[in-house]
C-alpha cells in the first residue's frame, strides 16, 4: 500500500522528505541515531521517524531501499512508546556489508544483527505486536516467504505507541532511503511456525 502521509508526523524531521510518485525519498541529517546507553555509553534520540499512532495489537509492513555506504547507515521500521521504550529493525551497514538489525530498548538498548549475503534491492519488514511480544520478520525481493528475525519482549502496559518508517546515519549526513510502501492493519496471525 502506498504511503499515505495524511495521518503521519515526523519525530526529528529530516532535511529532505519528498514524495516521488508513490515513493517517499528521505535524506538524513548529520549524526542521527536512536540508542540508549548500552556498551557505547551515549544516549541519542535524534533519528528520523515518520510516525502514526496505534493502540493494542497490530501488524505493520514496510518496503524500502537504501544507499548504504557508511558505518551504521540504517533504514527500516520503528515502534515507539517514548525515548526509552522502542524497537527499530531493518538494514544496518556494518563491517562493510548490509546486516539485518534489531534494536530493542527497554530503558537500555540491545542490538542483534546478522549479515545479509543475498544480492537484493528491496527489503520488506513485517512486525506483529501481540500482547507482550513483537514478532519481527523480513523478506527481500529475492525471497518468496517471510523469515523470522526475532521474537522480542515489549511491555504490554505500553498500549499507546507510534509506528512507521525510520532511518539514521550515526557517522554522517546525507544517507538516502526510499520507502515504497507502509501499512498498519489488525494482527495478521499469532502463528510463528
C-alpha atoms as a PDB file:
ATOM      1  CA  UNK A   1       0.000   0.000   0.000  1.00  0.00           C
ATOM      2  CA  UNK A   2       1.499   3.375  -0.970  1.00  0.00           C
ATOM      3  CA  UNK A   3       2.499   5.643   1.887  1.00  0.00           C
ATOM      4  CA  UNK A   4      -0.287   7.996   2.969  1.00  0.00           C
ATOM      5  CA  UNK A   5       1.271  10.947   4.796  1.00  0.00           C
ATOM      6  CA  UNK A   6      -2.121  12.340   5.854  1.00  0.00           C
ATOM      7  CA  UNK A   7      -2.132  10.840   9.370  1.00  0.00           C
ATOM      8  CA  UNK A   8       1.646  10.795   9.895  1.00  0.00           C
ATOM      9  CA  UNK A   9       4.097  13.217  11.501  1.00  0.00           C
ATOM     10  CA  UNK A  10       7.874  13.355  11.805  1.00  0.00           C
ATOM     11  CA  UNK A  11       9.793  12.904  15.019  1.00  0.00           C
ATOM     12  CA  UNK A  12      13.005  14.776  14.156  1.00  0.00           C
ATOM     13  CA  UNK A  13      12.141  15.866  10.601  1.00  0.00           C
ATOM     14  CA  UNK A  14      14.887  15.121   8.050  1.00  0.00           C
ATOM     15  CA  UNK A  15      16.397  17.785   5.799  1.00  0.00           C
ATOM     16  CA  UNK A  16      14.747  16.111   2.787  1.00  0.00           C
ATOM     17  CA  UNK A  17      11.499  14.118   2.624  1.00  0.00           C
ATOM     18  CA  UNK A  18       9.726  14.183  -0.738  1.00  0.00           C
ATOM     19  CA  UNK A  19       7.160  12.046  -2.495  1.00  0.00           C
ATOM     20  CA  UNK A  20       8.375  10.891  -5.924  1.00  0.00           C
ATOM     21  CA  UNK A  21       5.266   9.287  -7.346  1.00  0.00           C
ATOM     22  CA  UNK A  22       4.339   6.675  -4.723  1.00  0.00           C
ATOM     23  CA  UNK A  23       7.855   6.534  -3.206  1.00  0.00           C
ATOM     24  CA  UNK A  24       8.924   8.587  -0.205  1.00  0.00           C
ATOM     25  CA  UNK A  25      12.546   9.693  -0.621  1.00  0.00           C
ATOM     26  CA  UNK A  26      14.272  10.701   2.635  1.00  0.00           C
ATOM     27  CA  UNK A  27      17.776  12.037   3.340  1.00  0.00           C
ATOM     28  CA  UNK A  28      19.288  12.116   6.822  1.00  0.00           C
ATOM     29  CA  UNK A  29      20.735  14.968   8.820  1.00  0.00           C
ATOM     30  CA  UNK A  30      24.172  14.707  10.496  1.00  0.00           C
ATOM     31  CA  UNK A  31      24.975  12.072  13.154  1.00  0.00           C
ATOM     32  CA  UNK A  32      21.408  10.856  13.686  1.00  0.00           C
ATOM     33  CA  UNK A  33      20.599   7.767  15.741  1.00  0.00           C
ATOM     34  CA  UNK A  34      18.326   6.081  18.261  1.00  0.00           C
ATOM     35  CA  UNK A  35      20.300   4.442  21.086  1.00  0.00           C
ATOM     36  CA  UNK A  36      20.183   4.338  24.891  1.00  0.00           C
ATOM     37  CA  UNK A  37      23.445   3.708  26.706  1.00  0.00           C
ATOM     38  CA  UNK A  38      24.454   0.072  26.415  1.00  0.00           C
ATOM     39  CA  UNK A  39      28.138  -0.585  25.594  1.00  0.00           C
ATOM     40  CA  UNK A  40      28.684   2.695  23.727  1.00  0.00           C
ATOM     41  CA  UNK A  41      27.607   4.877  26.651  1.00  0.00           C
ATOM     42  CA  UNK A  42      25.830   7.554  24.645  1.00  0.00           C
ATOM     43  CA  UNK A  43      22.145   8.427  24.534  1.00  0.00           C
ATOM     44  CA  UNK A  44      20.752   9.584  21.181  1.00  0.00           C
ATOM     45  CA  UNK A  45      17.165  10.207  20.228  1.00  0.00           C
ATOM     46  CA  UNK A  46      17.593  12.292  17.078  1.00  0.00           C
ATOM     47  CA  UNK A  47      16.972   9.752  14.305  1.00  0.00           C
ATOM     48  CA  UNK A  48      14.252  10.403  11.725  1.00  0.00           C
ATOM     49  CA  UNK A  49      10.924   8.648  12.381  1.00  0.00           C
ATOM     50  CA  UNK A  50       7.721   9.060  10.350  1.00  0.00           C
ATOM     51  CA  UNK A  51       5.028   8.011  12.782  1.00  0.00           C
ATOM     52  CA  UNK A  52       1.370   7.262  13.146  1.00  0.00           C
ATOM     53  CA  UNK A  53      -0.217   6.320  16.463  1.00  0.00           C
ATOM     54  CA  UNK A  54      -1.708   2.951  17.283  1.00  0.00           C
ATOM     55  CA  UNK A  55      -3.147   1.173  20.329  1.00  0.00           C
ATOM     56  CA  UNK A  56      -3.234  -2.532  21.095  1.00  0.00           C
ATOM     57  CA  UNK A  57      -2.181  -5.297  18.739  1.00  0.00           C
ATOM     58  CA  UNK A  58      -1.378  -4.751  15.049  1.00  0.00           C
ATOM     59  CA  UNK A  59       0.786  -5.762  12.104  1.00  0.00           C
ATOM     60  CA  UNK A  60       2.991  -3.159  10.409  1.00  0.00           C
ATOM     61  CA  UNK A  61       4.596  -3.622   6.980  1.00  0.00           C
ATOM     62  CA  UNK A  62       7.137  -1.505   5.128  1.00  0.00           C
ATOM     63  CA  UNK A  63       9.231  -1.970   1.979  1.00  0.00           C
ATOM     64  CA  UNK A  64      12.312   0.149   1.269  1.00  0.00           C
ATOM     65  CA  UNK A  65      15.667   0.530  -0.456  1.00  0.00           C
ATOM     66  CA  UNK A  66      18.728   2.403   0.792  1.00  0.00           C
ATOM     67  CA  UNK A  67      22.083   3.680  -0.424  1.00  0.00           C
ATOM     68  CA  UNK A  68      24.213   2.177   2.353  1.00  0.00           C
ATOM     69  CA  UNK A  69      27.794   3.447   2.278  1.00  0.00           C
ATOM     70  CA  UNK A  70      28.995   4.438   5.743  1.00  0.00           C
ATOM     71  CA  UNK A  71      29.182   2.612   9.054  1.00  0.00           C
ATOM     72  CA  UNK A  72      25.757   2.299  10.753  1.00  0.00           C
ATOM     73  CA  UNK A  73      23.694   3.729   7.861  1.00  0.00           C
ATOM     74  CA  UNK A  74      20.271   2.262   8.625  1.00  0.00           C
ATOM     75  CA  UNK A  75      16.670   2.199   7.443  1.00  0.00           C
ATOM     76  CA  UNK A  76      13.585   0.260   8.423  1.00  0.00           C
ATOM     77  CA  UNK A  77      10.651   0.305  10.831  1.00  0.00           C
ATOM     78  CA  UNK A  78      10.241   1.660  14.357  1.00  0.00           C
ATOM     79  CA  UNK A  79       7.691   1.035  17.099  1.00  0.00           C
ATOM     80  CA  UNK A  80       7.991   3.568  19.896  1.00  0.00           C
ATOM     81  CA  UNK A  81       6.312   4.470  23.161  1.00  0.00           C
ATOM     82  CA  UNK A  82       8.874   7.066  24.287  1.00  0.00           C
ATOM     83  CA  UNK A  83      12.633   7.752  24.231  1.00  0.00           C
ATOM     84  CA  UNK A  84      13.441   4.727  26.406  1.00  0.00           C
ATOM     85  CA  UNK A  85      10.862   2.188  25.178  1.00  0.00           C
ATOM     86  CA  UNK A  86      11.067   1.329  21.479  1.00  0.00           C
ATOM     87  CA  UNK A  87      12.148  -1.144  18.808  1.00  0.00           C
ATOM     88  CA  UNK A  88      13.766  -0.456  15.455  1.00  0.00           C
ATOM     89  CA  UNK A  89      14.546  -3.059  12.811  1.00  0.00           C
ATOM     90  CA  UNK A  90      15.772  -3.127   9.246  1.00  0.00           C
ATOM     91  CA  UNK A  91      19.063  -2.976   7.402  1.00  0.00           C
ATOM     92  CA  UNK A  92      22.154  -1.545   9.059  1.00  0.00           C
ATOM     93  CA  UNK A  93      25.514  -1.205   7.314  1.00  0.00           C
ATOM     94  CA  UNK A  94      28.374  -2.542   9.422  1.00  0.00           C
ATOM     95  CA  UNK A  95      31.668  -4.346   8.721  1.00  0.00           C
ATOM     96  CA  UNK A  96      31.333  -3.370   5.054  1.00  0.00           C
ATOM     97  CA  UNK A  97      28.050  -5.213   4.467  1.00  0.00           C
ATOM     98  CA  UNK A  98      24.299  -4.991   4.949  1.00  0.00           C
ATOM     99  CA  UNK A  99      23.046  -6.670   8.110  1.00  0.00           C
ATOM    100  CA  UNK A 100      19.538  -7.342   9.312  1.00  0.00           C
ATOM    101  CA  UNK A 101      19.453  -5.424  12.574  1.00  0.00           C
ATOM    102  CA  UNK A 102      17.057  -5.260  15.516  1.00  0.00           C
ATOM    103  CA  UNK A 103      17.447  -2.925  18.490  1.00  0.00           C
ATOM    104  CA  UNK A 104      15.036  -3.277  21.404  1.00  0.00           C
ATOM    105  CA  UNK A 105      15.154  -0.623  24.103  1.00  0.00           C
ATOM    106  CA  UNK A 106      13.533  -1.095  27.480  1.00  0.00           C
ATOM    107  CA  UNK A 107      15.437   1.554  29.421  1.00  0.00           C
ATOM    108  CA  UNK A 108      18.688   0.438  27.772  1.00  0.00           C
ATOM    109  CA  UNK A 109      19.254  -0.658  24.181  1.00  0.00           C
ATOM    110  CA  UNK A 110      20.268  -4.096  22.972  1.00  0.00           C
ATOM    111  CA  UNK A 111      21.326  -4.985  19.430  1.00  0.00           C
ATOM    112  CA  UNK A 112      21.150  -8.146  17.381  1.00  0.00           C
ATOM    113  CA  UNK A 113      22.359  -8.344  13.784  1.00  0.00           C
ATOM    114  CA  UNK A 114      23.172 -10.899  11.112  1.00  0.00           C
ATOM    115  CA  UNK A 115      24.811 -10.454   7.733  1.00  0.00           C
ATOM    116  CA  UNK A 116      22.664 -10.500   4.581  1.00  0.00           C
ATOM    117  CA  UNK A 117      24.742 -12.056   1.812  1.00  0.00           C
ATOM    118  CA  UNK A 118      21.961 -12.312  -0.790  1.00  0.00           C
ATOM    119  CA  UNK A 119      22.025  -9.912  -3.722  1.00  0.00           C
ATOM    120  CA  UNK A 120      18.783  -7.964  -3.421  1.00  0.00           C
ATOM    121  CA  UNK A 121      17.412  -4.490  -3.968  1.00  0.00           C
ATOM    122  CA  UNK A 122      14.332  -4.123  -1.757  1.00  0.00           C
ATOM    123  CA  UNK A 123      13.753  -5.212   1.829  1.00  0.00           C
ATOM    124  CA  UNK A 124      10.294  -5.772   3.321  1.00  0.00           C
ATOM    125  CA  UNK A 125       9.586  -5.944   7.039  1.00  0.00           C
ATOM    126  CA  UNK A 126       6.580  -7.275   8.887  1.00  0.00           C
ATOM    127  CA  UNK A 127       6.261  -6.678  12.619  1.00  0.00           C
ATOM    128  CA  UNK A 128       3.285  -8.006  14.554  1.00  0.00           C
ATOM    129  CA  UNK A 129       2.528  -6.847  18.063  1.00  0.00           C
ATOM    130  CA  UNK A 130       0.662  -9.414  20.129  1.00  0.00           C
ATOM    131  CA  UNK A 131       0.340  -8.671  23.848  1.00  0.00           C
ATOM    132  CA  UNK A 132       3.855  -8.607  25.290  1.00  0.00           C
ATOM    133  CA  UNK A 133       5.631  -9.614  22.083  1.00  0.00           C
ATOM    134  CA  UNK A 134       6.922  -8.168  18.828  1.00  0.00           C
ATOM    135  CA  UNK A 135       7.262 -10.829  16.103  1.00  0.00           C
ATOM    136  CA  UNK A 136       9.786  -9.468  13.589  1.00  0.00           C
ATOM    137  CA  UNK A 137      10.023 -10.896  10.063  1.00  0.00           C
ATOM    138  CA  UNK A 138      11.780  -9.893   6.848  1.00  0.00           C
ATOM    139  CA  UNK A 139      11.738 -10.720   3.154  1.00  0.00           C
ATOM    140  CA  UNK A 140      13.818  -9.438   0.238  1.00  0.00           C
ATOM    141  CA  UNK A 141      12.758  -9.177  -3.385  1.00  0.00           C
ATOM    142  CA  UNK A 142      14.684 -12.451  -3.891  1.00  0.00           C
ATOM    143  CA  UNK A 143      12.582 -14.403  -1.332  1.00  0.00           C
ATOM    144  CA  UNK A 144       9.073 -15.820  -1.542  1.00  0.00           C
ATOM    145  CA  UNK A 145       8.429 -16.455   2.166  1.00  0.00           C
ATOM    146  CA  UNK A 146       8.820 -14.352   5.313  1.00  0.00           C
ATOM    147  CA  UNK A 147      11.751 -15.287   7.569  1.00  0.00           C
ATOM    148  CA  UNK A 148      11.730 -14.820  11.316  1.00  0.00           C
ATOM    149  CA  UNK A 149      14.395 -12.471  12.658  1.00  0.00           C
ATOM    150  CA  UNK A 150      13.371 -12.122  16.294  1.00  0.00           C
ATOM    151  CA  UNK A 151      10.653 -12.504  18.893  1.00  0.00           C
ATOM    152  CA  UNK A 152      11.156  -9.622  21.336  1.00  0.00           C
ATOM    153  CA  UNK A 153       9.537  -8.571  24.595  1.00  0.00           C
ATOM    154  CA  UNK A 154       7.655  -5.268  24.578  1.00  0.00           C
ATOM    155  CA  UNK A 155       5.826  -4.164  27.732  1.00  0.00           C
ATOM    156  CA  UNK A 156       2.077  -4.747  27.176  1.00  0.00           C
ATOM    157  CA  UNK A 157       1.261  -1.889  29.560  1.00  0.00           C
ATOM    158  CA  UNK A 158       2.625   0.496  26.908  1.00  0.00           C
ATOM    159  CA  UNK A 159      -0.545   0.393  24.811  1.00  0.00           C
ATOM    160  CA  UNK A 160      -0.098   3.724  23.023  1.00  0.00           C
ATOM    161  CA  UNK A 161       2.743   3.526  20.514  1.00  0.00           C
ATOM    162  CA  UNK A 162       3.853   5.201  17.327  1.00  0.00           C
ATOM    163  CA  UNK A 163       4.805   3.083  14.329  1.00  0.00           C
ATOM    164  CA  UNK A 164       6.366   3.862  10.965  1.00  0.00           C
ATOM    165  CA  UNK A 165       9.446   4.132   8.763  1.00  0.00           C
ATOM    166  CA  UNK A 166      12.720   5.239  10.379  1.00  0.00           C
ATOM    167  CA  UNK A 167      16.264   5.963   9.243  1.00  0.00           C
ATOM    168  CA  UNK A 168      19.534   7.157  10.778  1.00  0.00           C
ATOM    169  CA  UNK A 169      23.146   7.846   9.839  1.00  0.00           C
ATOM    170  CA  UNK A 170      25.230   7.987  13.043  1.00  0.00           C
ATOM    171  CA  UNK A 171      28.536   8.666  11.256  1.00  0.00           C
ATOM    172  CA  UNK A 172      27.490  11.222   8.632  1.00  0.00           C
ATOM    173  CA  UNK A 173      24.700  13.148   6.965  1.00  0.00           C
ATOM    174  CA  UNK A 174      23.078  12.531   3.602  1.00  0.00           C
ATOM    175  CA  UNK A 175      22.181   8.832   3.808  1.00  0.00           C
ATOM    176  CA  UNK A 176      19.250   8.363   1.445  1.00  0.00           C
ATOM    177  CA  UNK A 177      16.468   5.779   1.566  1.00  0.00           C
ATOM    178  CA  UNK A 178      13.270   5.308  -0.395  1.00  0.00           C
ATOM    179  CA  UNK A 179      10.174   3.879   1.256  1.00  0.00           C
ATOM    180  CA  UNK A 180       7.965   2.161  -1.297  1.00  0.00           C
ATOM    181  CA  UNK A 181       5.022   1.291   0.940  1.00  0.00           C
ATOM    182  CA  UNK A 182       3.824   1.270   4.537  1.00  0.00           C
ATOM    183  CA  UNK A 183       0.704  -0.088   6.218  1.00  0.00           C
ATOM    184  CA  UNK A 184      -0.669  -0.908   9.658  1.00  0.00           C
ATOM    185  CA  UNK A 185      -3.508  -3.415   9.992  1.00  0.00           C
ATOM    186  CA  UNK A 186      -5.081  -5.671  12.575  1.00  0.00           C
ATOM    187  CA  UNK A 187      -2.681  -8.504  13.537  1.00  0.00           C
ATOM    188  CA  UNK A 188      -2.260 -10.994  10.693  1.00  0.00           C
ATOM    189  CA  UNK A 189      -1.769 -14.038  12.951  1.00  0.00           C
ATOM    190  CA  UNK A 190      -0.295 -15.375  16.180  1.00  0.00           C
ATOM    191  CA  UNK A 191       1.298 -18.263  14.291  1.00  0.00           C
ATOM    192  CA  UNK A 192       5.086 -18.408  14.279  1.00  0.00           C
ATOM    193  CA  UNK A 193       5.536 -21.832  12.649  1.00  0.00           C
END
